[in-house]
Amino acid sequence: MILLFYIFGPLSIDFEEESDSEEESYKDCIDSYQRNTGLTEASEKESYKDRIDSYQRNTGLTEAVQTGTGQLNDILIAIGVMDFEFIGSSMGSVVGEKITRLIEYATNKSLPLIIVCASGGARMQEGSLSLMQMAKISSALYDYQSNKKLFYISILTSPTTGGVTASFGMLGDIIIAEPNAYIAFAGKRVIEETLKKPVPEGSQETEYLSPKGLFDLIVPRTLLKVVLGELFQLHGFLSYQEDEK
């Protein structure tokens, strides 16, 4: 999820008595914000629909997740890949629907499932509708895993946070994380503001979390295809040529 913040200096009630230093501080803050984000005050006032249209033009994507089927070492799979460039790969209603339909398709076709996660969490612009996607996807996964006894691999990239971590990101039969990935439910700033305690550096990264039992494997991208292929073979999935024989 992308959170955009203004940081204002103290404002005087009597504007005629406001000091030059306060005016300069406010101006400097706005200038710095616009330089760092590339956004102006006008663009901040864009509607949610306008922002969706803008991201679709800039990224060439229709939404924050791409889903489909393919082959890995000639093994037929269903796969979903989240793209952080599209509104921080936040999980809105469309993302939830696409992932749910992917899981249902994999269930009906008895395909192994891979979801590559990368997200800032639920999409705040959609309010409670975005939070409902966690339950919807988890329900589809329950049928896929528990009732149909099929095989789901979750791959966590950096960052994976919020509602994705709280739902399908952590429901894999095998959970794989990339090295040095930022994995969390709430971000460091939110935790510190809520608990009034500092969060140790590195405590929300793969290498720290792995000994706590949060993941099954840490796999760099260069080895990912090999590891996935071996996992599918260990779980009895054959290439479609062998299956036809």
Protein backbone atom coordinates (compact mmCIF):
# COMPACT_ATOMS: atom_id res chain seq x y z
CA MET A 1 0.00 0.00 0.00
CA ILE A 2 1.36 3.46 -0.87
CA LEU A 3 0.90 5.97 1.95
CA LEU A 4 1.59 9.61 1.13
CA PHE A 5 2.21 12.02 3.95
CA TYR A 6 2.41 15.79 4.32
CA ILE A 7 4.57 17.05 7.21
CA PHE A 8 3.53 20.57 8.18
CA GLY A 9 5.26 22.91 10.57
CA PRO A 10 3.28 24.64 13.34
CA LEU A 11 0.57 26.97 11.98
CA SER A 12 -0.23 30.25 13.63
CA ILE A 13 -3.89 31.15 14.18
CA ASP A 14 -3.13 34.77 13.43
CA PHE A 15 -1.67 34.50 9.93
CA GLU A 16 -0.53 38.12 9.93
CA GLU A 17 1.83 37.35 12.80
CA GLU A 18 3.21 34.15 11.27
CA SER A 19 6.99 34.28 11.14
CA ASP A 20 9.05 34.15 7.94
CA SER A 21 10.80 31.03 9.20
CA GLU A 22 7.50 29.17 9.52
CA GLU A 23 6.48 30.19 6.01
CA GLU A 24 9.83 29.05 4.67
CA SER A 25 9.60 25.74 6.54
CA TYR A 26 6.19 25.02 5.04
CA LYS A 27 7.34 25.91 1.52
CA ASP A 28 10.51 23.84 1.83
CA CYS A 29 8.47 20.85 3.03
CA ILE A 30 6.06 21.01 0.08
CA ASP A 31 8.93 21.47 -2.40
CA SER A 32 10.80 18.51 -0.92
CA TYR A 33 7.68 16.32 -1.02
CA GLN A 34 7.03 17.13 -4.68
CA ARG A 35 10.66 16.48 -5.65
CA ASN A 36 10.78 13.12 -3.86
CA THR A 37 7.41 11.82 -5.06
CA GLY A 38 6.99 13.56 -8.39
CA LEU A 39 3.48 14.54 -7.28
CA THR A 40 1.94 18.00 -7.12
CA GLU A 41 -0.94 19.13 -4.94
CA ALA A 42 -3.22 18.88 -7.97
CA SER A 43 -2.23 15.28 -8.65
CA GLU A 44 -2.84 14.42 -5.00
CA LYS A 45 -6.46 15.45 -5.51
CA GLU A 46 -6.94 12.99 -8.37
CA SER A 47 -9.79 10.58 -7.92
CA TYR A 48 -9.13 6.89 -7.34
CA LYS A 49 -10.36 6.15 -10.87
CA ASP A 50 -7.91 8.70 -12.30
CA ARG A 51 -5.06 7.08 -10.39
CA ILE A 52 -6.01 3.63 -11.69
CA ASP A 53 -6.06 4.99 -15.25
CA SER A 54 -2.68 6.65 -14.71
CA TYR A 55 -1.06 3.45 -13.39
CA GLN A 56 -2.51 1.43 -16.25
CA ARG A 57 -0.99 3.82 -18.78
CA ASN A 58 2.39 4.03 -17.04
CA THR A 59 2.86 0.32 -16.30
CA GLY A 60 0.99 -1.30 -19.18
CA LEU A 61 -0.78 -3.50 -16.61
CA THR A 62 -4.50 -3.73 -15.97
CA GLU A 63 -4.10 -4.44 -12.25
CA ALA A 64 -1.58 -5.28 -9.53
CA VAL A 65 -1.57 -9.03 -10.22
CA GLN A 66 -1.17 -11.07 -13.39
CA THR A 67 -2.58 -14.59 -13.44
CA GLY A 68 -2.50 -17.48 -15.86
CA THR A 69 -1.22 -20.99 -16.56
CA GLY A 70 2.11 -22.23 -17.85
CA GLN A 71 4.71 -24.95 -17.64
CA LEU A 72 7.65 -25.44 -15.32
CA ASN A 73 9.89 -28.27 -16.53
CA ASP A 74 6.88 -29.44 -18.60
CA ILE A 75 4.70 -29.55 -15.48
CA LEU A 76 1.44 -27.67 -15.97
CA ILE A 77 0.94 -25.02 -13.28
CA ALA A 78 -1.36 -22.14 -12.35
CA ILE A 79 0.51 -18.98 -11.38
CA GLY A 80 -0.17 -15.48 -10.10
CA VAL A 81 2.48 -12.75 -9.93
CA MET A 82 1.99 -9.46 -8.06
CA ASP A 83 3.69 -6.32 -9.41
CA PHE A 84 4.72 -3.67 -6.89
CA GLU A 85 4.83 -0.96 -9.56
CA PHE A 86 1.02 -0.94 -9.71
CA ILE A 87 -0.11 1.04 -6.62
CA GLY A 88 2.39 -0.81 -4.46
CA SER A 89 0.77 -4.10 -5.55
CA SER A 90 -1.97 -3.33 -3.04
CA MET A 91 -4.82 -5.82 -2.77
CA GLY A 92 -8.11 -4.37 -3.98
CA SER A 93 -11.31 -6.04 -5.15
CA VAL A 94 -9.97 -6.82 -8.63
CA VAL A 95 -6.77 -8.34 -7.25
CA GLY A 96 -8.80 -10.47 -4.84
CA GLU A 97 -11.16 -11.60 -7.60
CA LYS A 98 -8.34 -12.49 -10.01
CA ILE A 99 -6.47 -14.54 -7.40
CA THR A 100 -9.68 -16.28 -6.28
CA ARG A 101 -10.54 -17.22 -9.87
CA LEU A 102 -6.99 -18.50 -10.38
CA ILE A 103 -7.31 -20.74 -7.33
CA GLU A 104 -10.72 -22.00 -8.43
CA TYR A 105 -9.37 -22.78 -11.91
CA ALA A 106 -6.41 -24.65 -10.40
CA THR A 107 -8.86 -26.54 -8.18
CA ASN A 108 -11.05 -27.60 -11.10
CA LYS A 109 -8.06 -28.61 -13.25
CA SER A 110 -6.08 -30.18 -10.36
CA LEU A 111 -3.07 -27.97 -11.08
CA PRO A 112 -0.29 -27.06 -8.65
CA LEU A 113 -0.42 -23.39 -7.71
CA ILE A 114 2.28 -20.72 -7.33
CA ILE A 115 1.61 -17.16 -6.15
CA VAL A 116 4.49 -14.69 -6.15
CA CYS A 117 3.66 -12.11 -3.49
CA ALA A 118 4.83 -8.51 -3.29
CA SER A 119 2.47 -6.06 -1.65
CA GLY A 120 2.01 -3.11 0.63
CA GLY A 121 -1.23 -4.71 1.86
CA ALA A 122 -4.92 -4.01 1.37
CA ARG A 123 -5.81 -1.06 -0.89
CA MET A 124 -6.89 1.74 1.41
CA GLN A 125 -8.94 3.52 -1.28
CA GLU A 126 -11.46 0.64 -1.29
CA GLY A 127 -11.94 0.51 2.47
CA SER A 128 -13.57 -2.62 3.88
CA LEU A 129 -14.03 -4.11 0.40
CA SER A 130 -10.27 -4.61 0.18
CA LEU A 131 -10.18 -6.32 3.58
CA MET A 132 -12.90 -8.76 2.46
CA GLN A 133 -10.51 -10.12 -0.16
CA MET A 134 -8.42 -11.80 2.55
CA ALA A 135 -11.34 -14.00 3.60
CA LYS A 136 -12.44 -14.67 0.01
CA ILE A 137 -9.01 -15.84 -1.13
CA SER A 138 -8.41 -17.85 2.05
CA SER A 139 -11.75 -19.61 1.60
CA ALA A 140 -10.85 -20.61 -1.98
CA LEU A 141 -7.47 -21.86 -0.74
CA TYR A 142 -9.14 -23.95 1.95
CA ASP A 143 -11.11 -25.83 -0.70
CA TYR A 144 -7.98 -26.16 -2.86
CA GLN A 145 -5.71 -27.44 -0.08
CA SER A 146 -7.93 -29.19 2.45
CA ASN A 147 -10.75 -30.57 0.32
CA LYS A 148 -8.93 -31.26 -2.96
CA LYS A 149 -5.54 -31.98 -1.35
CA LEU A 150 -3.66 -29.94 -3.96
CA PHE A 151 -0.27 -28.24 -3.66
CA TYR A 152 0.26 -24.49 -3.21
CA ILE A 153 3.64 -22.72 -3.08
CA SER A 154 3.80 -19.15 -1.84
CA ILE A 155 6.84 -17.08 -2.84
CA LEU A 156 7.46 -13.93 -0.77
CA THR A 157 9.43 -11.12 -2.38
CA SER A 158 10.31 -7.71 -0.98
CA PRO A 159 8.17 -6.18 0.35
CA THR A 160 5.31 -8.44 1.38
CA THR A 161 3.22 -6.82 4.09
CA GLY A 162 -0.29 -6.16 5.38
CA GLY A 163 -3.31 -8.15 4.25
CA VAL A 164 -1.29 -10.31 1.85
CA THR A 165 0.96 -11.48 4.70
CA ALA A 166 -2.13 -11.98 6.85
CA SER A 167 -3.81 -14.23 4.29
CA PHE A 168 -2.64 -16.15 1.22
CA GLY A 169 1.02 -15.12 1.56
CA MET A 170 1.37 -17.32 4.64
CA LEU A 171 -1.00 -20.13 3.65
CA GLY A 172 1.31 -21.99 1.29
CA ASP A 173 2.00 -25.68 1.76
CA ILE A 174 5.57 -24.56 1.13
CA ILE A 175 6.51 -20.92 1.82
CA ILE A 176 9.61 -19.63 0.04
CA ALA A 177 11.16 -16.23 0.76
CA GLU A 178 13.80 -14.37 -1.21
CA PRO A 179 17.03 -13.35 0.56
CA ASN A 180 16.95 -9.96 2.30
CA ALA A 181 13.22 -9.54 1.66
CA TYR A 182 11.15 -7.24 3.87
CA ILE A 183 8.33 -9.37 5.30
CA ALA A 184 5.89 -7.95 7.85
CA PHE A 185 2.28 -7.37 8.77
CA ALA A 186 2.65 -3.79 9.99
CA GLY A 187 5.57 -1.58 9.01
CA LYS A 188 8.30 -0.44 11.36
CA ARG A 189 6.90 3.09 11.75
CA VAL A 190 3.37 1.88 12.53
CA ILE A 191 4.61 -0.58 15.15
CA GLU A 192 6.78 2.02 16.84
CA GLU A 193 3.99 4.60 16.91
CA THR A 194 1.51 2.05 18.29
CA LEU A 195 3.65 0.28 20.88
CA LYS A 196 5.94 3.22 21.66
CA LYS A 197 8.90 0.84 21.41
CA PRO A 198 11.71 0.73 18.85
CA VAL A 199 11.74 -2.10 16.33
CA PRO A 200 15.24 -3.66 16.06
CA GLU A 201 16.92 -3.16 12.71
CA GLY A 202 16.60 -6.18 10.45
CA SER A 203 13.91 -7.83 12.58
CA GLN A 204 11.45 -7.78 9.66
CA GLU A 205 13.81 -9.30 7.11
CA THR A 206 14.04 -12.84 5.79
CA GLU A 207 17.25 -13.91 7.54
CA TYR A 208 15.97 -12.85 10.98
CA LEU A 209 12.49 -14.35 10.54
CA SER A 210 13.53 -17.71 9.06
CA PRO A 211 14.84 -19.25 12.35
CA LYS A 212 11.51 -18.28 13.94
CA GLY A 213 9.79 -20.73 11.59
CA LEU A 214 8.03 -18.22 9.34
CA PHE A 215 9.31 -19.77 6.08
CA ASP A 216 10.30 -23.17 4.82
CA LEU A 217 13.07 -22.07 2.44
CA ILE A 218 15.14 -19.04 1.50
CA VAL A 219 15.86 -19.26 -2.22
CA PRO A 220 17.54 -16.68 -4.50
CA ARG A 221 15.94 -16.14 -7.89
CA THR A 222 18.80 -17.82 -9.73
CA LEU A 223 17.94 -21.15 -8.05
CA LEU A 224 14.18 -20.74 -7.89
CA LYS A 225 13.28 -22.73 -11.01
CA VAL A 226 15.39 -25.71 -9.94
CA VAL A 227 13.97 -25.74 -6.41
CA LEU A 228 10.37 -25.43 -7.63
CA GLY A 229 10.87 -28.26 -10.11
CA GLU A 230 12.24 -30.54 -7.38
CA LEU A 231 9.38 -29.68 -5.03
CA PHE A 232 6.79 -30.54 -7.67
CA GLN A 233 8.48 -33.86 -8.41
CA LEU A 234 8.66 -34.70 -4.71
CA HIS A 235 4.94 -34.08 -4.45
CA GLY A 236 4.17 -36.38 -7.35
CA PHE A 237 3.55 -33.92 -10.17
CA LEU A 238 4.67 -35.21 -13.57
CA SER A 239 5.26 -33.47 -16.87
CA TYR A 240 2.24 -33.51 -19.14
CA GLN A 241 4.07 -35.90 -21.56
CA GLU A 242 4.61 -38.44 -18.76
CA ASP A 243 1.06 -37.95 -17.54
CA GLU A 244 -0.33 -38.74 -20.99
CA LYS A 245 1.60 -42.03 -21.05
